[in-house]
Protein backbone atom coordinates (compact mmCIF):
# COMPACT_ATOMS: atom_id res chain seq x y z
CA MET A 1 25.73 -22.66 -13.62
CA GLU A 2 24.24 -18.90 -13.28
CA ASN A 3 25.21 -16.66 -10.35
CA LEU A 4 23.06 -17.61 -7.08
CA THR A 5 22.06 -14.76 -4.93
CA PHE A 6 20.87 -15.49 -1.20
CA PRO A 7 19.51 -12.45 0.93
CA LEU A 8 20.01 -13.56 4.64
CA TYR A 9 17.71 -11.31 7.25
CA ARG A 10 19.03 -10.74 10.88
CA PRO A 11 17.06 -7.97 13.20
CA SER A 12 20.10 -5.30 13.18
CA PHE A 13 21.71 -6.20 9.81
CA LEU A 14 21.15 -7.52 6.11
CA PHE A 15 23.86 -9.63 5.00
CA TYR A 16 23.76 -9.81 0.99
CA ILE A 17 25.75 -12.95 -0.48
CA VAL A 18 26.50 -13.24 -4.02
CA CYS A 19 27.88 -16.76 -5.14
CA THR A 20 29.56 -16.97 -8.42
CA PRO A 21 30.19 -20.11 -10.19
CA CYS A 22 33.28 -22.70 -9.03
CA THR A 23 34.52 -25.52 -9.98
CA PRO A 24 33.26 -28.67 -8.06
CA MET A 25 36.89 -29.80 -6.77
CA PHE A 26 37.13 -26.91 -4.72
CA PRO A 27 36.20 -27.46 -0.96
CA LEU A 28 33.62 -24.87 0.70
CA GLY A 29 36.33 -23.96 3.11
CA GLN A 30 38.61 -22.58 0.43
CA TYR A 31 35.55 -20.95 -1.66
CA THR A 32 35.66 -16.92 -1.54
CA ILE A 33 32.13 -15.20 -1.03
CA PRO A 34 31.70 -11.64 -1.13
CA VAL A 35 29.28 -9.97 1.73
CA ILE A 36 27.56 -6.86 1.05
CA THR A 37 26.79 -5.80 4.77
CA LEU A 38 23.92 -3.01 5.16
CA ASP A 39 23.32 -1.01 8.38
CA LYS A 40 19.87 -1.46 10.21
CA ASP A 41 19.46 2.00 9.48
CA THR A 42 19.82 2.00 5.42
CA PRO A 43 16.75 2.92 3.98
CA LYS A 44 14.59 0.65 2.33
CA GLU A 45 14.47 2.17 -0.74
CA ALA A 46 18.47 2.33 -0.78
CA VAL A 47 18.46 -1.86 0.34
CA CYS A 48 16.26 -2.09 -2.69
CA GLN A 49 18.87 -0.40 -4.82
CA VAL A 50 21.37 -2.78 -3.88
CA PHE A 51 19.26 -5.82 -4.54
CA GLU A 52 18.74 -4.50 -8.06
CA ASN A 53 22.32 -3.35 -8.64
CA VAL A 54 23.79 -6.69 -7.53
CA ASN A 55 21.65 -9.27 -9.30
CA THR A 56 21.49 -7.41 -12.68
CA GLY A 57 23.36 -10.66 -13.86
CA GLY A 58 21.77 -13.09 -11.88
CA VAL A 59 17.95 -13.31 -11.03
CA SER A 60 16.11 -10.14 -10.79
CA LEU A 61 15.38 -8.92 -7.54
CA THR A 62 12.48 -6.42 -7.49
CA VAL A 63 10.71 -4.04 -5.01
CA PHE A 64 8.15 -7.15 -4.71
CA GLU A 65 11.20 -9.03 -3.42
CA LEU A 66 12.34 -6.82 -0.78
CA VAL A 67 8.54 -6.16 0.53
CA THR A 68 8.50 -10.39 0.56
CA ALA A 69 11.24 -10.29 2.68
CA ILE A 70 10.04 -7.30 5.02
CA PHE A 71 6.57 -9.16 5.76
CA ALA A 72 8.25 -12.68 6.08
CA MET A 73 9.69 -11.17 9.48
CA ASP A 74 6.26 -10.96 10.70
CA ASN A 75 5.53 -14.70 9.39
CA PHE A 76 3.56 -13.55 6.30
CA GLU A 77 4.17 -15.45 2.99
CA LEU A 78 3.50 -12.40 0.33
CA ARG A 79 4.66 -14.45 -2.47
CA LYS A 80 2.32 -17.45 -1.62
CA ASP A 81 -0.50 -14.71 -1.26
CA TRP A 82 0.30 -13.24 -4.61
CA GLU A 83 0.21 -16.73 -6.29
CA GLU A 84 -2.92 -18.04 -5.20
CA ARG A 85 -4.18 -14.37 -5.84
CA LYS A 86 -2.86 -14.34 -9.18
CA ASN A 87 -3.80 -18.12 -10.25
CA LYS A 88 -7.57 -17.29 -8.88
CA TYR A 89 -8.07 -13.65 -10.17
CA PHE A 90 -5.33 -12.72 -12.41
CA ASN A 91 -5.22 -15.33 -15.25
CA ASP A 92 -8.13 -13.70 -17.43
CA GLU A 93 -7.16 -12.00 -20.87
CA ILE A 94 -6.33 -8.70 -19.52
CA LEU A 95 -5.42 -8.78 -15.93
CA SER A 96 -2.87 -11.41 -16.78
CA VAL A 97 -0.34 -8.27 -17.24
CA THR A 98 -0.99 -7.45 -13.84
CA SER A 99 2.59 -8.04 -11.93
CA ALA A 100 2.92 -8.66 -8.36
CA THR A 101 4.76 -5.18 -8.54
CA ASP A 102 1.85 -3.45 -9.85
CA PHE A 103 -0.15 -5.00 -7.23
CA LEU A 104 1.73 -3.53 -4.22
CA THR A 105 1.86 -0.42 -5.93
CA ALA A 106 -2.07 -0.22 -6.18
CA CYS A 107 -2.30 -1.30 -2.89
CA THR A 108 0.00 1.61 -1.71
CA LEU A 109 -1.90 3.88 -3.64
CA LEU A 110 -5.08 2.76 -2.12
CA SER A 111 -3.75 2.75 1.32
CA SER A 112 -2.24 6.32 0.95
CA TYR A 113 -5.40 7.48 -0.44
CA LYS A 114 -7.35 6.11 2.51
CA LYS A 115 -5.09 7.84 5.13
CA GLY A 116 -5.68 11.21 3.73
CA GLY A 117 -3.42 13.52 3.42
CA THR A 118 -0.60 13.25 0.96
CA VAL A 119 -0.91 10.74 -1.42
CA SER A 120 2.05 8.70 -3.10
CA CYS A 121 2.75 5.56 -4.44
CA LYS A 122 6.78 5.82 -5.36
CA LYS A 123 9.04 3.11 -4.85
CA LYS A 124 9.61 4.46 -1.20
CA ASP A 125 6.01 4.30 -0.20
CA VAL A 126 5.72 0.73 -1.45
CA LEU A 127 8.54 -0.24 0.68
CA ASN A 128 7.10 1.47 3.56
CA LEU A 129 3.61 -0.53 2.95
CA THR A 130 2.48 -2.36 6.29
CA LEU A 131 1.71 -5.89 6.57
CA ALA A 132 -1.38 -4.51 8.46
CA GLU A 133 -2.27 -1.84 5.17
CA TYR A 134 -1.63 -4.99 2.77
CA GLN A 135 -4.04 -7.25 4.64
CA ARG A 136 -6.42 -4.81 4.99
CA TYR A 137 -7.09 -3.52 1.50
CA ALA A 138 -5.66 -6.72 -0.47
CA ASP A 139 -9.20 -8.38 -1.26
CA ASP A 140 -10.80 -4.96 -2.05
CA LEU A 141 -8.32 -4.28 -4.31
CA THR A 142 -8.63 -7.56 -6.07
CA ASP A 143 -12.21 -7.17 -6.47
CA GLY A 144 -11.48 -3.23 -8.16
CA PHE A 145 -9.37 -5.09 -10.63
CA VAL A 146 -11.67 -7.45 -11.57
CA GLU A 147 -14.30 -4.57 -11.80
CA ALA A 148 -11.74 -2.61 -14.19
CA GLU A 149 -11.59 -5.31 -16.71
CA LYS A 150 -15.42 -5.29 -16.78
CA ILE A 151 -15.30 -1.79 -17.33
CA LEU A 152 -12.60 -2.49 -20.13
CA GLN A 153 -14.70 -5.26 -21.73
CA GLU A 154 -17.71 -2.80 -22.04
CA GLU A 155 -15.18 -0.74 -23.97
CA ARG A 156 -14.49 -3.53 -26.09
CA ILE A 157 -10.88 -4.03 -24.75
CA PHE A 158 -10.96 -8.07 -24.83
CA SER A 159 -7.12 -8.84 -24.37
CA SER A 160 -3.52 -7.90 -22.88
CA LYS A 161 -2.23 -7.66 -26.64
CA ASP A 162 -5.10 -5.03 -27.15
CA LEU A 163 -4.86 -3.31 -23.87
CA PRO A 164 -3.62 0.44 -24.58
CA TYR A 165 -1.80 1.15 -21.50
CA THR A 166 -0.98 -1.72 -18.86
CA THR A 167 0.08 0.64 -16.61
CA GLN A 168 -3.24 2.68 -16.41
CA LEU A 169 -4.91 -0.28 -15.11
CA ILE A 170 -3.81 0.49 -11.56
CA PRO A 171 -5.43 3.73 -11.13
CA LEU A 172 -8.44 2.07 -12.99
CA ALA A 173 -8.39 -0.48 -10.23
CA VAL A 174 -7.84 1.84 -7.30
CA LEU A 175 -10.95 3.81 -8.52
CA CYS A 176 -13.03 1.03 -9.10
CA THR A 177 -12.10 -0.32 -5.28
CA LEU A 178 -12.92 3.34 -3.63
CA LEU A 179 -16.07 3.55 -6.11
CA ALA A 180 -17.31 -0.22 -4.91
CA GLU A 181 -18.20 1.24 -1.38
CA HIS A 182 -22.04 2.11 -1.62
CA ASN A 183 -21.93 0.34 -5.06
CA ARG A 184 -21.21 3.86 -7.08
CA ILE A 185 -18.98 2.21 -9.50
CA LYS A 186 -22.44 0.73 -10.82
CA THR A 187 -24.14 3.93 -11.47
CA THR A 188 -24.32 5.04 -15.15
CA SER A 189 -23.00 8.61 -14.38
CA VAL A 190 -19.90 7.57 -12.20
CA LYS A 191 -19.05 5.04 -14.67
CA ASP A 192 -19.24 7.50 -17.58
CA LYS A 193 -16.77 9.65 -15.90
CA ILE A 194 -14.64 6.84 -15.35
CA LYS A 195 -14.71 6.39 -19.15
CA GLN A 196 -14.45 9.42 -19.93
CA TRP A 197 -11.13 9.71 -18.10
CA TYR A 198 -9.69 6.57 -19.32
CA TRP A 199 -10.03 7.41 -22.91
CA CYS A 200 -8.43 10.99 -22.28
CA GLY A 201 -5.61 8.59 -21.28
CA VAL A 202 -5.31 6.69 -24.14
CA PHE A 203 -5.89 9.15 -26.74
CA GLY A 204 -4.13 11.95 -24.84
CA GLU A 205 -1.08 9.18 -24.35
CA MET A 206 -0.22 10.25 -21.11
CA TYR A 207 0.87 6.89 -19.64
CA GLY A 208 3.87 6.29 -21.03
CA SER A 209 6.37 7.44 -18.47
CA ALA A 210 6.47 9.02 -15.24
CA ASN A 211 3.48 7.20 -14.08
CA GLU A 212 3.31 6.98 -10.44
CA THR A 213 2.88 10.94 -10.35
CA ARG A 214 0.30 10.77 -13.02
CA TYR A 215 -1.68 7.64 -10.73
CA VAL A 216 -1.89 10.07 -7.80
CA TYR A 217 -3.01 12.89 -9.62
CA ASP A 218 -5.87 10.84 -11.47
CA VAL A 219 -7.04 8.98 -8.37
CA VAL A 220 -7.18 12.18 -6.13
CA GLY A 221 -8.47 14.29 -9.38
CA VAL A 222 -11.20 11.52 -10.75
CA MET A 223 -12.66 11.27 -6.73
CA ALA A 224 -12.96 15.01 -6.22
CA TRP A 225 -14.19 15.30 -9.72
CA LEU A 226 -16.89 12.98 -9.16
CA GLU A 227 -18.20 15.19 -6.28
CA ASP A 228 -17.58 18.21 -7.81
CA ALA A 229 -18.24 18.69 -11.44
CA SER A 230 -16.02 21.78 -11.72
CA LYS A 231 -12.87 19.71 -10.51
CA THR A 232 -11.70 18.37 -13.87
CA PRO A 233 -8.99 16.08 -13.16
CA LYS A 234 -5.59 16.99 -14.94
CA THR A 235 -5.76 13.57 -17.37
CA VAL A 236 -8.73 15.69 -18.54
CA GLN A 237 -7.65 18.94 -18.50
CA GLU A 238 -4.42 17.83 -20.50
CA PHE A 239 -5.93 15.96 -23.26
CA TYR A 240 -5.11 16.79 -26.82
CA PHE A 241 -4.82 14.90 -29.83
CA ASN A 242 -3.46 15.95 -33.28
CA PRO A 243 -5.40 15.06 -36.42
CA VAL A 244 -2.08 14.32 -37.91
CA ARG A 245 -1.19 11.78 -35.34
CA LEU A 246 -3.78 9.38 -37.15
CA LEU A 247 -1.11 9.22 -39.97
CA SER A 248 1.68 7.84 -37.54
CA LEU A 249 -0.41 5.20 -36.32
CA GLN A 250 1.03 2.27 -38.00
CA SER A 251 1.31 -0.30 -35.71
CA ARG A 252 -0.49 -1.89 -32.46
CA LEU A 253 2.39 -0.61 -30.69
CA SER A 254 0.85 2.86 -29.96
CA ALA A 255 -1.78 3.09 -27.14
CA ALA A 256 -3.90 5.26 -29.47
CA TYR A 257 -3.82 2.66 -32.03
CA LYS A 258 -5.42 0.04 -30.16
CA GLY A 259 -7.90 2.82 -28.57
CA ILE A 260 -9.08 3.33 -31.99
CA MET A 261 -9.74 -0.19 -32.78
CA ALA A 262 -11.67 -0.90 -29.74
CA ARG A 263 -13.49 2.10 -30.41
CA ILE A 264 -14.67 0.68 -33.93
CA LEU A 265 -15.61 -2.45 -32.12
CA LYS A 266 -17.81 -0.27 -29.51
CA ASN A 267 -19.79 0.76 -32.81
CA GLN A 268 -20.81 -3.01 -32.98
CA CYS A 269 -19.10 -3.52 -35.86
CA LYS A 270 -20.06 -6.61 -37.85
CA ASP A 271 -18.22 -9.30 -39.99
CA PHE A 272 -18.32 -8.43 -43.48
CA ILE A 273 -19.32 -12.01 -44.73
CA SER A 274 -21.42 -13.31 -41.62
CA GLY A 275 -22.68 -10.05 -40.15
CA ARG A 276 -21.94 -11.12 -36.76
CA GLU A 277 -21.46 -8.36 -34.32
CA MET A 278 -17.72 -8.81 -33.16
CA ASP A 279 -18.69 -9.21 -29.38
CA PHE A 280 -16.38 -11.07 -26.89
CA THR A 281 -17.76 -14.60 -27.98
CA VAL A 282 -17.17 -13.80 -32.10
CA TYR A 283 -13.55 -12.15 -31.05
CA LYS A 284 -12.48 -15.26 -29.24
CA ALA A 285 -13.78 -17.70 -31.75
CA GLU A 286 -13.27 -15.99 -35.03
CA SER A 287 -9.84 -15.13 -34.41
CA ILE A 288 -10.39 -11.49 -34.88
CA ASP A 289 -7.60 -9.51 -35.84
CA ILE A 290 -6.66 -5.72 -37.66
CA HIS A 291 -6.35 -6.02 -41.28
CA HIS A 292 -6.14 -3.24 -44.39
CA ILE A 293 -9.63 -1.97 -45.79
CA PHE A 294 -7.84 -1.19 -49.15
CA PRO A 295 -5.42 -4.28 -49.19
CA ARG A 296 -1.67 -3.95 -49.09
CA ASP A 297 -0.77 -5.35 -52.36
CA TYR A 298 -3.50 -3.25 -54.39
CA CYS A 299 -2.14 0.30 -52.48
CA GLU A 300 1.40 -0.92 -53.63
CA LYS A 301 0.66 -1.47 -57.20
CA LYS A 302 -1.54 1.71 -57.26
CA GLY A 303 1.36 3.68 -55.49
CA LEU A 304 -0.30 4.97 -52.95
CA PRO A 305 1.68 6.89 -50.08
CA ARG A 306 2.43 4.11 -47.46
CA ALA A 307 1.90 6.39 -44.64
CA LYS A 308 -1.94 6.53 -45.68
CA TRP A 309 -2.45 3.01 -46.66
CA ASN A 310 -0.68 1.67 -43.61
CA SER A 311 -2.24 3.86 -41.25
CA VAL A 312 -4.68 2.86 -38.66
CA VAL A 313 -7.33 4.66 -40.87
CA ASN A 314 -6.97 2.21 -43.28
CA LYS A 315 -7.33 -0.54 -40.99
CA THR A 316 -10.27 -2.50 -39.15
CA PRO A 317 -11.16 -5.58 -37.21
CA ILE A 318 -11.86 -8.50 -39.38
CA THR A 319 -12.18 -12.10 -38.95
CA TYR A 320 -9.66 -14.69 -40.17
CA SER A 321 -11.63 -15.84 -42.91
CA THR A 322 -13.32 -13.08 -44.11
CA ASN A 323 -9.33 -11.29 -44.69
CA ARG A 324 -8.63 -14.62 -46.88
CA GLU A 325 -11.62 -13.59 -48.89
CA ILE A 326 -10.45 -9.98 -49.47
CA GLY A 327 -7.05 -11.07 -51.03
CA GLY A 328 -4.89 -8.49 -52.78
CA VAL A 329 -7.74 -6.91 -54.96
CA ALA A 330 -9.49 -3.66 -55.22
CA PRO A 331 -12.64 -3.47 -52.57
CA SER A 332 -14.76 -2.92 -55.52
CA GLN A 333 -14.09 -6.70 -56.77
CA TYR A 334 -13.78 -8.17 -53.08
CA LEU A 335 -16.99 -6.70 -52.21
CA THR A 336 -18.62 -8.18 -55.03
CA LYS A 337 -17.04 -11.43 -54.46
CA ILE A 338 -18.20 -11.52 -50.80
CA GLU A 339 -21.91 -10.71 -51.85
CA LYS A 340 -21.71 -13.87 -53.89
CA LYS A 341 -20.12 -16.15 -51.45
CA GLY A 342 -22.06 -14.76 -48.38
CA GLN A 343 -25.47 -14.71 -50.07
CA VAL A 344 -25.43 -11.24 -49.15
CA SER A 345 -27.12 -8.49 -50.80
CA PRO A 346 -25.31 -5.06 -51.58
CA SER A 347 -27.58 -3.20 -48.93
CA VAL A 348 -27.12 -5.24 -46.30
CA LEU A 349 -23.24 -5.45 -46.53
CA ASP A 350 -23.25 -1.74 -47.16
CA GLY A 351 -24.64 -1.83 -43.48
CA TYR A 352 -21.86 -4.01 -42.17
CA LEU A 353 -19.58 -1.65 -44.04
CA ARG A 354 -20.93 1.50 -41.97
CA THR A 355 -20.48 0.16 -38.87
CA HIS A 356 -16.50 -0.04 -39.32
CA LEU A 357 -16.83 3.68 -40.28
CA ILE A 358 -16.41 3.20 -44.16
CA ASP A 359 -18.24 5.58 -46.49
CA THR A 360 -19.80 2.77 -48.95
CA GLY A 361 -19.91 4.85 -51.58
CA ASP A 362 -16.41 5.71 -51.76
CA ILE A 363 -15.20 1.75 -51.08
CA ARG A 364 -17.36 0.48 -53.86
CA ALA A 365 -15.83 3.07 -56.35
CA ASP A 366 -12.14 2.46 -54.97
CA ARG A 367 -11.87 6.04 -54.21
CA PHE A 368 -9.23 5.75 -51.48
CA ASP A 369 -8.52 9.59 -51.35
CA ASP A 370 -11.88 10.11 -50.32
CA PHE A 371 -12.47 6.95 -48.50
CA PHE A 372 -9.26 8.29 -46.16
CA ILE A 373 -10.57 11.51 -45.76
CA LYS A 374 -13.92 10.48 -44.77
CA ARG A 375 -12.95 7.47 -42.58
CA SER A 376 -10.55 9.86 -40.68
CA THR A 377 -13.03 12.25 -39.94
CA ALA A 378 -15.39 9.78 -38.57
CA ILE A 379 -12.17 8.51 -36.18
CA LEU A 380 -11.88 11.62 -34.93
CA ASN A 381 -15.60 12.04 -34.11
CA GLU A 382 -15.28 8.85 -32.01
CA ILE A 383 -12.18 10.08 -30.32
CA GLU A 384 -14.40 13.32 -29.71
CA LYS A 385 -17.23 11.16 -28.28
CA ALA A 386 -15.04 9.10 -26.26
CA THR A 387 -13.11 11.89 -24.55
CA GLY A 388 -15.93 14.38 -24.36
CA LYS A 389 -13.40 16.99 -25.30
CA THR A 390 -12.91 18.57 -28.95
CA VAL A 391 -10.10 17.54 -31.64
CA SER A 392 -8.83 21.26 -32.72
CA GLY A 393 -7.09 21.81 -35.92
CA ARG A 394 -9.02 19.49 -38.13
CA ASP A 395 -8.83 22.09 -40.94
CA SER A 396 -5.26 23.35 -40.16
CA ASP A 397 -2.96 23.90 -43.06
CA LEU A 398 -1.10 20.54 -42.16
CA VAL A 399 -3.96 18.74 -42.02
CA ILE A 400 -5.51 19.84 -45.45
CA GLN A 401 -1.74 19.27 -46.81
CA ASP A 402 -1.07 15.65 -45.42
CA PHE A 403 -4.83 14.62 -45.82
CA GLY A 404 -5.93 16.13 -49.18
CA GLY A 405 -8.58 18.17 -47.36
CA ALA A 406 -9.95 19.43 -43.83
CA LEU A 407 -11.58 16.24 -41.37
CA LEU A 408 -14.79 18.20 -40.45
């Protein structure tokens, strides 16, 4: 039997009762119940901290739980409202990662911005969100999240596992909500700036920590930027991508790794065998996943450096069936096999390969080092295209040392 925690609310005090397991033979009258009594003047954020600390061993109680209790005093069932909203709008591939607390944080950010003055969405601000504010903005914000998902799908992010940052959904949804007025989010010039800001956040890897402050910088900054092109938002200003970073992007745990895969999909990459473009339908139906271009077994047998062959540079989205055909042989061998099995000519297959940013001459001749330099260069070009910013240091001494040549 696990600990049971019951918050009891009264107009002047909050009693917090923690019940620990007991032996059934003891009558309730002999049962000792520890109680934490908090004065009505205790700040909400302090009350929330008590919730979190006391419940570390039992059921987790979050900011959402406390706001639920606060709204309950006005006979509003926040949990029921969220569950209904979640079931209707937040069960899709991407939005399913949005938590109740994320939604409240976004609502606080939106409300704070609409008020004017200092914008903030820290924990204390979420706890001060009023029921009237929530009811005023919740529906519009929900539509904003849905619009944010559409933008991500346009950028070839199709599932939550491929979403670079779940946290960046919060300011993106708020921006989409604000720009829904007068349908501005549908305007190409506006959407392009939103996408540029988004990719600067992804490839600049800026949404890993201290996010509440960045949420504010970005919402305020992007909205000002849309009105005045000279007012570049902080995330766009601070963007920086070190070319050597490509070597340390070894798995989809990294936001930039996921971003690069999305940009390859955005390039309308095609399946090696069928030639079908990997759009949303194919992505879902054909079990698209990320696989090595020069196969692992081949690279290990050749003694190629793992830092290179296992990096994002040597990986691309491929269907499950195509990956089985590749096996562990040299690219020149599996490409010949694909031509025979798929009844595709070398020139047509070369066209498919180029959609993956692959140099066909190098891969057909199994020239790994040349392939690696050229694909690294192509990926950096894609990053520049997405962010609208220059990737500096492509010909630095370190780049030439680690890659075997400049990435120009």
